[in-house]
């Protein structure tokens, strides 16, 4: 194969163009939205095995309260949100039956993909999820709190009642 025929090969031209596109496309995407990241993951049912289809994942920026949402999850429960400005976000999931919110914030970093998978369990699997709400006792309504109150009153009365005279070496 001579140099003239080498430059005229269609496979070589297509290969060079494909390599150019593969190497330059990430640069173009980064230049379009340099301060953004993305998140993706899966939404599962309470059993952490069954994917939930049709759920929408929503995130809310903690600094400006702007909200973004994913498309409904596919049959595998997969979602994706791209073009998210860097910052701290709250994440929530809206399924066909209920709405669920995470109790912690997640940080989206520019130029990176975060992977967050969620199992939809009401109340986070605590005692609230079984339908019974246990009222937590205050500290001073417990035995330890009452002992602390009695001890504090006893020490206070001791310093009020017992005379505090200066010790004398003669007496």
N, C-alpha and C. Protein backbone atom coordinates (compact mmCIF):
# COMPACT_ATOMS: atom_id res chain seq x y z
N UNK A 1 0.85 -1.15 0.00
CA UNK A 1 0.00 0.00 0.00
C UNK A 1 0.91 1.23 0.00
N UNK A 2 0.64 2.13 -0.93
CA UNK A 2 1.45 3.34 -1.02
C UNK A 2 0.82 4.44 -0.19
N UNK A 3 1.54 5.55 -0.03
CA UNK A 3 1.05 6.66 0.78
C UNK A 3 -0.20 7.27 0.17
N UNK A 4 -0.28 7.33 -1.15
CA UNK A 4 -1.47 7.89 -1.80
C UNK A 4 -2.70 7.03 -1.52
N UNK A 5 -2.56 5.74 -1.62
CA UNK A 5 -3.73 4.87 -1.37
C UNK A 5 -4.05 4.79 0.11
N UNK A 6 -3.06 4.98 0.98
CA UNK A 6 -3.27 4.94 2.43
C UNK A 6 -4.20 6.09 2.86
N UNK A 7 -4.05 7.27 2.31
CA UNK A 7 -4.88 8.43 2.64
C UNK A 7 -6.27 8.33 2.05
N UNK A 8 -6.46 7.47 1.07
CA UNK A 8 -7.75 7.35 0.42
C UNK A 8 -8.60 6.21 0.98
N UNK A 9 -8.11 5.51 1.92
CA UNK A 9 -8.86 4.40 2.49
C UNK A 9 -10.01 4.93 3.35
N UNK A 10 -11.21 4.50 3.04
CA UNK A 10 -12.38 4.98 3.76
C UNK A 10 -12.36 4.53 5.22
N UNK A 11 -11.92 3.33 5.48
CA UNK A 11 -11.87 2.83 6.86
C UNK A 11 -10.94 3.68 7.71
N UNK A 12 -9.81 4.06 7.15
CA UNK A 12 -8.87 4.88 7.90
C UNK A 12 -9.46 6.25 8.19
N UNK A 13 -10.13 6.87 7.23
CA UNK A 13 -10.73 8.18 7.42
C UNK A 13 -11.81 8.11 8.49
N UNK A 14 -12.67 7.10 8.41
CA UNK A 14 -13.72 6.96 9.42
C UNK A 14 -13.14 6.66 10.80
N UNK A 15 -12.11 5.88 10.85
CA UNK A 15 -11.45 5.58 12.12
C UNK A 15 -10.86 6.82 12.77
N UNK A 16 -10.19 7.66 11.96
CA UNK A 16 -9.60 8.90 12.49
C UNK A 16 -10.71 9.85 12.95
N UNK A 17 -11.79 9.97 12.19
CA UNK A 17 -12.90 10.83 12.60
C UNK A 17 -13.55 10.32 13.89
N UNK A 18 -13.73 9.03 14.00
CA UNK A 18 -14.34 8.46 15.21
C UNK A 18 -13.44 8.70 16.42
N UNK A 19 -12.14 8.52 16.27
CA UNK A 19 -11.21 8.76 17.38
C UNK A 19 -11.25 10.23 17.78
N UNK A 20 -11.32 11.13 16.80
CA UNK A 20 -11.39 12.55 17.10
C UNK A 20 -12.65 12.87 17.90
N UNK A 21 -13.77 12.33 17.49
CA UNK A 21 -15.03 12.58 18.18
C UNK A 21 -14.98 12.02 19.60
N UNK A 22 -14.43 10.82 19.77
CA UNK A 22 -14.37 10.19 21.09
C UNK A 22 -13.50 11.00 22.04
N UNK A 23 -12.40 11.53 21.57
CA UNK A 23 -11.50 12.27 22.44
C UNK A 23 -11.90 13.72 22.65
N UNK A 24 -12.64 14.32 21.73
CA UNK A 24 -12.98 15.75 21.84
C UNK A 24 -14.35 15.96 22.47
N UNK A 25 -15.27 15.01 22.38
CA UNK A 25 -16.62 15.18 22.93
C UNK A 25 -16.61 15.49 24.42
N UNK A 26 -15.85 14.79 25.27
CA UNK A 26 -15.84 15.15 26.69
C UNK A 26 -15.37 16.59 26.94
N UNK A 27 -14.46 17.07 26.13
CA UNK A 27 -13.97 18.45 26.26
C UNK A 27 -15.10 19.43 25.93
N UNK A 28 -15.87 19.13 24.90
CA UNK A 28 -16.99 20.00 24.54
C UNK A 28 -18.05 20.00 25.63
N UNK A 29 -18.35 18.84 26.16
CA UNK A 29 -19.36 18.76 27.21
C UNK A 29 -18.90 19.51 28.47
N UNK A 30 -17.64 19.39 28.82
CA UNK A 30 -17.13 20.09 30.00
C UNK A 30 -17.12 21.60 29.78
N UNK A 31 -16.87 22.03 28.56
CA UNK A 31 -16.85 23.46 28.26
C UNK A 31 -18.25 24.06 28.29
N UNK A 32 -19.28 23.27 27.96
CA UNK A 32 -20.64 23.78 27.96
C UNK A 32 -21.13 24.10 29.37
N UNK A 33 -20.86 23.24 30.33
CA UNK A 33 -21.34 23.42 31.69
C UNK A 33 -20.24 23.00 32.66
N UNK A 34 -19.24 23.87 32.87
CA UNK A 34 -18.07 23.47 33.64
C UNK A 34 -18.33 23.25 35.13
N UNK A 35 -19.32 23.90 35.72
CA UNK A 35 -19.55 23.79 37.15
C UNK A 35 -20.68 22.85 37.50
N UNK A 36 -20.87 21.80 36.72
CA UNK A 36 -21.99 20.92 37.00
C UNK A 36 -21.55 19.47 37.12
N UNK A 37 -22.33 18.74 37.88
CA UNK A 37 -22.10 17.31 38.05
C UNK A 37 -23.39 16.57 37.75
N UNK A 38 -23.43 15.31 38.08
CA UNK A 38 -24.64 14.52 37.85
C UNK A 38 -24.73 13.41 38.88
N UNK A 39 -25.94 12.91 39.06
CA UNK A 39 -26.14 11.77 39.94
C UNK A 39 -27.00 10.74 39.21
N UNK A 40 -26.80 9.50 39.55
CA UNK A 40 -27.63 8.43 39.02
C UNK A 40 -27.65 7.30 40.03
N UNK A 41 -28.54 6.38 39.83
CA UNK A 41 -28.65 5.25 40.74
C UNK A 41 -29.92 4.48 40.50
N UNK A 42 -30.31 3.70 41.49
CA UNK A 42 -31.48 2.85 41.38
C UNK A 42 -32.42 3.09 42.55
N UNK A 43 -33.71 2.93 42.31
CA UNK A 43 -34.73 3.03 43.34
C UNK A 43 -35.31 1.63 43.54
N UNK A 44 -35.26 1.17 44.80
CA UNK A 44 -35.75 -0.16 45.13
C UNK A 44 -36.93 -0.06 46.11
N UNK A 45 -37.72 -1.12 46.16
CA UNK A 45 -38.82 -1.21 47.12
C UNK A 45 -38.25 -1.50 48.50
N UNK A 46 -39.12 -1.67 49.48
CA UNK A 46 -38.70 -1.86 50.87
C UNK A 46 -37.82 -3.09 51.06
N UNK A 47 -37.99 -4.10 50.21
CA UNK A 47 -37.19 -5.33 50.35
C UNK A 47 -35.77 -5.18 49.81
N UNK A 48 -35.42 -4.05 49.26
CA UNK A 48 -34.09 -3.71 48.73
C UNK A 48 -33.69 -4.63 47.57
N UNK A 49 -34.66 -5.27 46.93
CA UNK A 49 -34.38 -6.13 45.78
C UNK A 49 -35.24 -5.78 44.58
N UNK A 50 -36.47 -5.41 44.82
CA UNK A 50 -37.42 -5.14 43.74
C UNK A 50 -37.26 -3.72 43.23
N UNK A 51 -36.93 -3.54 41.94
CA UNK A 51 -36.81 -2.18 41.41
C UNK A 51 -38.18 -1.52 41.29
N UNK A 52 -38.22 -0.21 41.52
CA UNK A 52 -39.45 0.56 41.43
C UNK A 52 -39.43 1.33 40.12
N UNK A 53 -40.38 1.06 39.25
CA UNK A 53 -40.44 1.79 37.98
C UNK A 53 -41.44 2.93 38.10
N UNK A 54 -41.19 4.01 37.39
CA UNK A 54 -42.09 5.15 37.38
C UNK A 54 -41.89 6.14 38.52
N UNK A 55 -40.89 5.94 39.36
CA UNK A 55 -40.61 6.89 40.45
C UNK A 55 -39.81 8.07 39.91
N UNK A 56 -40.02 9.22 40.50
CA UNK A 56 -39.30 10.43 40.08
C UNK A 56 -38.41 10.88 41.24
N UNK A 57 -37.13 11.07 40.96
CA UNK A 57 -36.18 11.52 41.97
C UNK A 57 -36.05 13.04 41.84
N UNK A 58 -36.18 13.73 42.97
CA UNK A 58 -36.09 15.19 42.99
C UNK A 58 -34.98 15.60 43.94
N UNK A 59 -34.25 16.64 43.56
CA UNK A 59 -33.23 17.20 44.43
C UNK A 59 -33.51 18.70 44.58
N UNK A 60 -33.19 19.23 45.78
CA UNK A 60 -33.39 20.65 46.05
C UNK A 60 -32.09 21.23 46.59
N UNK A 61 -31.62 22.30 45.95
CA UNK A 61 -30.40 22.98 46.37
C UNK A 61 -30.65 23.66 47.71
N UNK A 62 -29.74 23.47 48.66
CA UNK A 62 -29.92 24.05 49.98
C UNK A 62 -29.63 25.54 50.03
N UNK A 63 -28.87 26.06 49.06
CA UNK A 63 -28.53 27.48 49.10
C UNK A 63 -29.59 28.35 48.43
N UNK A 64 -30.11 27.94 47.28
CA UNK A 64 -31.10 28.78 46.59
C UNK A 64 -32.47 28.12 46.45
N UNK A 65 -32.64 26.90 46.99
CA UNK A 65 -33.90 26.15 47.01
C UNK A 65 -34.46 25.84 45.62
N UNK A 66 -33.61 25.83 44.59
CA UNK A 66 -34.06 25.43 43.26
C UNK A 66 -34.15 23.91 43.23
N UNK A 67 -35.17 23.43 42.52
CA UNK A 67 -35.44 22.00 42.48
C UNK A 67 -35.22 21.46 41.07
N UNK A 68 -34.65 20.26 41.01
CA UNK A 68 -34.47 19.55 39.74
C UNK A 68 -35.07 18.16 39.90
N UNK A 69 -35.52 17.58 38.79
CA UNK A 69 -36.14 16.25 38.86
C UNK A 69 -35.64 15.39 37.72
N UNK A 70 -35.65 14.09 37.96
CA UNK A 70 -35.26 13.13 36.94
C UNK A 70 -36.48 12.75 36.12
N UNK A 71 -36.25 12.05 35.04
CA UNK A 71 -37.34 11.42 34.32
C UNK A 71 -37.81 10.24 35.17
N UNK A 72 -39.01 9.71 34.94
CA UNK A 72 -39.44 8.54 35.72
C UNK A 72 -38.46 7.37 35.53
N UNK A 73 -38.29 6.59 36.60
CA UNK A 73 -37.35 5.47 36.54
C UNK A 73 -37.82 4.43 35.54
N UNK A 74 -36.87 3.71 34.97
CA UNK A 74 -37.19 2.68 34.00
C UNK A 74 -37.61 1.39 34.71
N UNK A 75 -37.76 0.31 33.96
CA UNK A 75 -38.19 -0.97 34.53
C UNK A 75 -37.19 -1.52 35.53
N UNK A 76 -35.90 -1.13 35.42
CA UNK A 76 -34.88 -1.57 36.37
C UNK A 76 -34.76 -0.64 37.57
N UNK A 77 -35.57 0.43 37.61
CA UNK A 77 -35.52 1.38 38.71
C UNK A 77 -34.41 2.40 38.57
N UNK A 78 -33.80 2.52 37.40
CA UNK A 78 -32.66 3.44 37.22
C UNK A 78 -33.15 4.86 36.91
N UNK A 79 -32.45 5.83 37.52
CA UNK A 79 -32.70 7.25 37.26
C UNK A 79 -31.38 7.94 37.00
N UNK A 80 -31.46 9.16 36.45
CA UNK A 80 -30.27 9.96 36.22
C UNK A 80 -30.67 11.43 36.14
N UNK A 81 -29.86 12.28 36.77
CA UNK A 81 -30.04 13.73 36.67
C UNK A 81 -28.68 14.31 36.30
N UNK A 82 -28.63 15.03 35.18
CA UNK A 82 -27.37 15.62 34.71
C UNK A 82 -27.47 17.14 34.75
N UNK A 83 -26.32 17.81 34.69
CA UNK A 83 -26.28 19.27 34.66
C UNK A 83 -26.63 19.92 35.98
N UNK A 84 -26.23 19.28 37.07
CA UNK A 84 -26.53 19.80 38.41
C UNK A 84 -25.41 20.74 38.83
N UNK A 85 -25.72 21.99 39.18
CA UNK A 85 -24.67 22.89 39.66
C UNK A 85 -24.06 22.36 40.97
N UNK A 86 -22.78 22.61 41.15
CA UNK A 86 -22.08 22.13 42.34
C UNK A 86 -22.71 22.71 43.59
N UNK A 87 -22.90 21.87 44.60
CA UNK A 87 -23.48 22.34 45.86
C UNK A 87 -24.08 21.22 46.67
N UNK A 88 -24.76 21.61 47.77
CA UNK A 88 -25.40 20.66 48.69
C UNK A 88 -26.89 20.55 48.34
N UNK A 89 -27.40 19.32 48.35
CA UNK A 89 -28.77 19.06 47.94
C UNK A 89 -29.46 18.10 48.89
N UNK A 90 -30.77 18.26 49.00
CA UNK A 90 -31.63 17.28 49.65
C UNK A 90 -32.24 16.43 48.55
N UNK A 91 -32.40 15.14 48.82
CA UNK A 91 -32.91 14.22 47.82
C UNK A 91 -34.24 13.65 48.29
N UNK A 92 -35.18 13.55 47.38
CA UNK A 92 -36.47 12.95 47.68
C UNK A 92 -36.92 12.10 46.51
N UNK A 93 -37.79 11.15 46.79
CA UNK A 93 -38.31 10.25 45.75
C UNK A 93 -39.82 10.28 45.81
N UNK A 94 -40.44 10.47 44.66
CA UNK A 94 -41.89 10.46 44.57
C UNK A 94 -42.29 9.25 43.73
N UNK A 95 -42.85 8.24 44.41
CA UNK A 95 -43.32 7.06 43.69
C UNK A 95 -44.81 7.21 43.46
N UNK A 96 -45.41 6.23 42.84
CA UNK A 96 -46.84 6.29 42.57
C UNK A 96 -47.67 6.27 43.82
N UNK A 97 -47.16 5.69 44.91
CA UNK A 97 -47.93 5.54 46.14
C UNK A 97 -47.62 6.63 47.17
N UNK A 98 -46.34 6.91 47.41
CA UNK A 98 -45.94 7.83 48.48
C UNK A 98 -44.78 8.71 48.05
N UNK A 99 -44.48 9.70 48.90
CA UNK A 99 -43.29 10.53 48.74
C UNK A 99 -42.34 10.21 49.87
N UNK A 100 -41.04 10.14 49.55
CA UNK A 100 -40.01 9.82 50.53
C UNK A 100 -38.93 10.90 50.46
N UNK A 101 -38.41 11.30 51.63
CA UNK A 101 -37.34 12.29 51.70
C UNK A 101 -36.19 11.73 52.51
N UNK A 102 -34.95 11.99 52.05
CA UNK A 102 -33.77 11.58 52.81
C UNK A 102 -33.53 12.60 53.91
N UNK A 103 -33.01 12.14 55.04
CA UNK A 103 -32.78 13.03 56.18
C UNK A 103 -31.41 13.70 56.15
N UNK A 104 -30.61 13.46 55.14
CA UNK A 104 -29.28 14.06 55.10
C UNK A 104 -29.05 14.69 53.74
N UNK A 105 -28.10 15.62 53.70
CA UNK A 105 -27.78 16.32 52.47
C UNK A 105 -26.67 15.59 51.73
N UNK A 106 -26.69 15.69 50.42
CA UNK A 106 -25.60 15.13 49.63
C UNK A 106 -24.93 16.26 48.85
N UNK A 107 -23.65 16.10 48.60
CA UNK A 107 -22.87 17.13 47.93
C UNK A 107 -22.58 16.68 46.50
N UNK A 108 -22.95 17.50 45.53
CA UNK A 108 -22.67 17.22 44.13
C UNK A 108 -21.46 18.03 43.73
N UNK A 109 -20.43 17.35 43.25
CA UNK A 109 -19.19 18.01 42.87
C UNK A 109 -19.16 18.17 41.35
N UNK A 110 -18.66 19.31 40.89
CA UNK A 110 -18.61 19.61 39.46
C UNK A 110 -17.72 18.61 38.73
N UNK A 111 -18.19 18.15 37.58
CA UNK A 111 -17.41 17.24 36.75
C UNK A 111 -17.40 15.81 37.21
N UNK A 112 -18.21 15.46 38.22
CA UNK A 112 -18.22 14.09 38.72
C UNK A 112 -19.62 13.52 38.73
N UNK A 113 -19.68 12.19 38.71
CA UNK A 113 -20.94 11.47 38.75
C UNK A 113 -21.10 10.83 40.11
N UNK A 114 -22.16 11.19 40.82
CA UNK A 114 -22.47 10.58 42.11
C UNK A 114 -23.46 9.46 41.92
N UNK A 115 -23.26 8.36 42.62
CA UNK A 115 -24.17 7.22 42.50
C UNK A 115 -24.90 7.04 43.82
N UNK A 116 -26.23 7.21 43.78
CA UNK A 116 -27.05 7.11 44.98
C UNK A 116 -28.21 6.17 44.68
N UNK A 117 -28.26 5.04 45.38
CA UNK A 117 -29.37 4.12 45.26
C UNK A 117 -30.17 4.17 46.55
N UNK A 118 -31.50 4.07 46.44
CA UNK A 118 -32.38 4.28 47.58
C UNK A 118 -33.40 3.15 47.66
N UNK A 119 -33.64 2.67 48.88
CA UNK A 119 -34.73 1.73 49.14
C UNK A 119 -35.85 2.51 49.81
N UNK A 120 -37.06 2.37 49.30
CA UNK A 120 -38.20 3.14 49.79
C UNK A 120 -38.86 2.45 50.97
N UNK A 121 -38.39 2.78 52.17
CA UNK A 121 -38.97 2.25 53.40
C UNK A 121 -39.55 3.41 54.18
N UNK A 122 -40.85 3.40 54.48
CA UNK A 122 -41.42 4.52 55.22
C UNK A 122 -40.81 4.67 56.60
N UNK A 123 -40.47 5.87 56.96
CA UNK A 123 -39.93 6.16 58.29
C UNK A 123 -38.53 5.66 58.51
N UNK A 124 -37.83 5.24 57.49
CA UNK A 124 -36.46 4.79 57.64
C UNK A 124 -36.33 3.48 58.38
N UNK A 125 -37.40 2.70 58.50
CA UNK A 125 -37.32 1.40 59.13
C UNK A 125 -37.32 1.45 60.64
N UNK A 126 -37.56 2.61 61.23
CA UNK A 126 -37.57 2.73 62.68
C UNK A 126 -38.92 2.32 63.25
N UNK A 127 -39.17 2.63 64.52
CA UNK A 127 -40.43 2.25 65.13
C UNK A 127 -41.63 2.96 64.50
N UNK A 128 -41.42 4.09 63.85
CA UNK A 128 -42.52 4.80 63.21
C UNK A 128 -43.08 4.03 62.03
N UNK A 129 -42.26 3.18 61.40
CA UNK A 129 -42.73 2.48 60.22
C UNK A 129 -43.73 1.39 60.55
N UNK A 130 -43.75 0.89 61.79
CA UNK A 130 -44.69 -0.16 62.15
C UNK A 130 -46.04 0.40 62.54
N UNK A 131 -46.18 1.71 62.57
CA UNK A 131 -47.45 2.32 62.87
C UNK A 131 -47.57 2.76 64.33
N UNK A 132 -46.70 2.30 65.21
CA UNK A 132 -46.74 2.72 66.60
C UNK A 132 -45.66 3.74 66.82
N UNK A 133 -46.02 4.83 67.46
CA UNK A 133 -45.03 5.86 67.75
C UNK A 133 -44.73 5.82 69.24
N UNK A 134 -43.49 5.61 69.58
CA UNK A 134 -43.07 5.55 70.97
C UNK A 134 -42.67 6.95 71.40
N UNK A 135 -43.30 7.45 72.47
CA UNK A 135 -42.96 8.77 72.97
C UNK A 135 -41.71 8.65 73.83
N UNK A 136 -40.72 9.47 73.50
CA UNK A 136 -39.47 9.43 74.22
C UNK A 136 -39.60 10.24 75.51
N UNK A 137 -39.13 9.66 76.62
CA UNK A 137 -39.18 10.34 77.91
C UNK A 137 -38.10 11.41 77.96
N UNK A 138 -38.40 12.49 78.66
CA UNK A 138 -37.39 13.50 78.92
C UNK A 138 -36.43 13.01 79.99
N UNK A 139 -35.23 13.60 80.05
CA UNK A 139 -34.21 13.14 80.99
C UNK A 139 -34.67 13.23 82.44
N UNK A 140 -35.36 14.32 82.79
CA UNK A 140 -35.76 14.51 84.18
C UNK A 140 -36.98 13.66 84.56
N UNK A 141 -37.56 12.95 83.60
CA UNK A 141 -38.64 12.01 83.90
C UNK A 141 -38.12 10.59 84.06
N UNK A 142 -36.83 10.38 83.94
CA UNK A 142 -36.24 9.06 84.15
C UNK A 142 -35.70 8.96 85.57
N UNK A 143 -35.33 7.74 85.96
CA UNK A 143 -34.80 7.52 87.31
C UNK A 143 -33.51 8.31 87.51
N UNK A 144 -32.64 8.30 86.53
CA UNK A 144 -31.38 9.03 86.63
C UNK A 144 -31.60 10.52 86.77
N UNK A 145 -32.56 11.06 86.06
CA UNK A 145 -32.87 12.48 86.16
C UNK A 145 -33.40 12.86 87.52
N UNK A 146 -34.25 12.00 88.09
CA UNK A 146 -34.79 12.27 89.42
C UNK A 146 -33.71 12.18 90.49
N UNK A 147 -32.79 11.23 90.35
CA UNK A 147 -31.68 11.12 91.30
C UNK A 147 -30.82 12.38 91.23
N UNK A 148 -30.58 12.88 90.03
CA UNK A 148 -29.79 14.10 89.87
C UNK A 148 -30.49 15.29 90.53
N UNK A 149 -31.80 15.40 90.41
CA UNK A 149 -32.54 16.50 91.04
C UNK A 149 -32.42 16.41 92.56
N UNK A 150 -32.63 15.22 93.14
CA UNK A 150 -32.56 15.05 94.59
C UNK A 150 -31.14 15.37 95.09
N UNK A 151 -30.11 14.92 94.38
CA UNK A 151 -28.73 15.19 94.78
C UNK A 151 -28.44 16.68 94.72
N UNK A 152 -28.90 17.37 93.69
CA UNK A 152 -28.66 18.82 93.57
C UNK A 152 -29.36 19.58 94.70
N UNK A 153 -30.57 19.17 95.04
CA UNK A 153 -31.29 19.82 96.15
C UNK A 153 -30.57 19.57 97.47
N UNK A 154 -30.09 18.34 97.69
CA UNK A 154 -29.37 18.01 98.92
C UNK A 154 -28.10 18.83 99.07
N UNK A 155 -27.32 18.98 98.01
CA UNK A 155 -26.09 19.77 98.07
C UNK A 155 -26.42 21.23 98.32
N UNK A 156 -27.46 21.74 97.69
CA UNK A 156 -27.86 23.13 97.89
C UNK A 156 -28.30 23.39 99.32
N UNK A 157 -29.10 22.48 99.88
CA UNK A 157 -29.54 22.64 101.27
C UNK A 157 -28.37 22.53 102.25
N UNK A 158 -27.42 21.69 101.96
CA UNK A 158 -26.25 21.55 102.84
C UNK A 158 -25.52 22.88 102.96
N UNK A 159 -25.30 23.55 101.84
CA UNK A 159 -24.58 24.82 101.88
C UNK A 159 -25.43 25.93 102.48
N UNK A 160 -26.76 25.83 102.45
CA UNK A 160 -27.61 26.84 103.05
C UNK A 160 -27.78 26.64 104.56
N UNK A 161 -27.88 25.41 105.03
CA UNK A 161 -28.20 25.13 106.43
C UNK A 161 -26.96 25.03 107.30
N UNK A 162 -25.96 24.31 106.90
CA UNK A 162 -24.79 24.07 107.73
C UNK A 162 -23.99 25.36 107.84
N UNK A 163 -23.70 25.80 109.08
CA UNK A 163 -22.92 27.03 109.25
C UNK A 163 -21.49 26.81 108.81
N UNK A 164 -20.98 27.78 108.15
CA UNK A 164 -19.63 27.69 107.64
C UNK A 164 -18.76 28.71 108.38
N UNK A 165 -18.26 28.30 109.52
CA UNK A 165 -17.37 29.18 110.29
C UNK A 165 -15.96 28.82 109.90
N UNK A 166 -15.13 29.77 110.05
CA UNK A 166 -13.73 29.57 109.71
C UNK A 166 -13.11 28.64 110.77
N UNK A 167 -12.36 27.68 110.33
CA UNK A 167 -11.73 26.75 111.27
C UNK A 167 -10.65 27.46 112.09
N UNK A 168 -10.66 27.20 113.37
CA UNK A 168 -9.70 27.85 114.26
C UNK A 168 -8.79 26.80 114.85
N UNK A 169 -7.47 27.09 114.99
CA UNK A 169 -6.59 26.10 115.56
C UNK A 169 -6.77 25.96 117.06
N UNK A 170 -7.44 26.91 117.71
CA UNK A 170 -7.62 26.85 119.15
C UNK A 170 -8.78 25.92 119.50
N UNK A 171 -9.82 25.89 118.78
CA UNK A 171 -11.00 25.09 119.11
C UNK A 171 -10.81 23.65 118.91
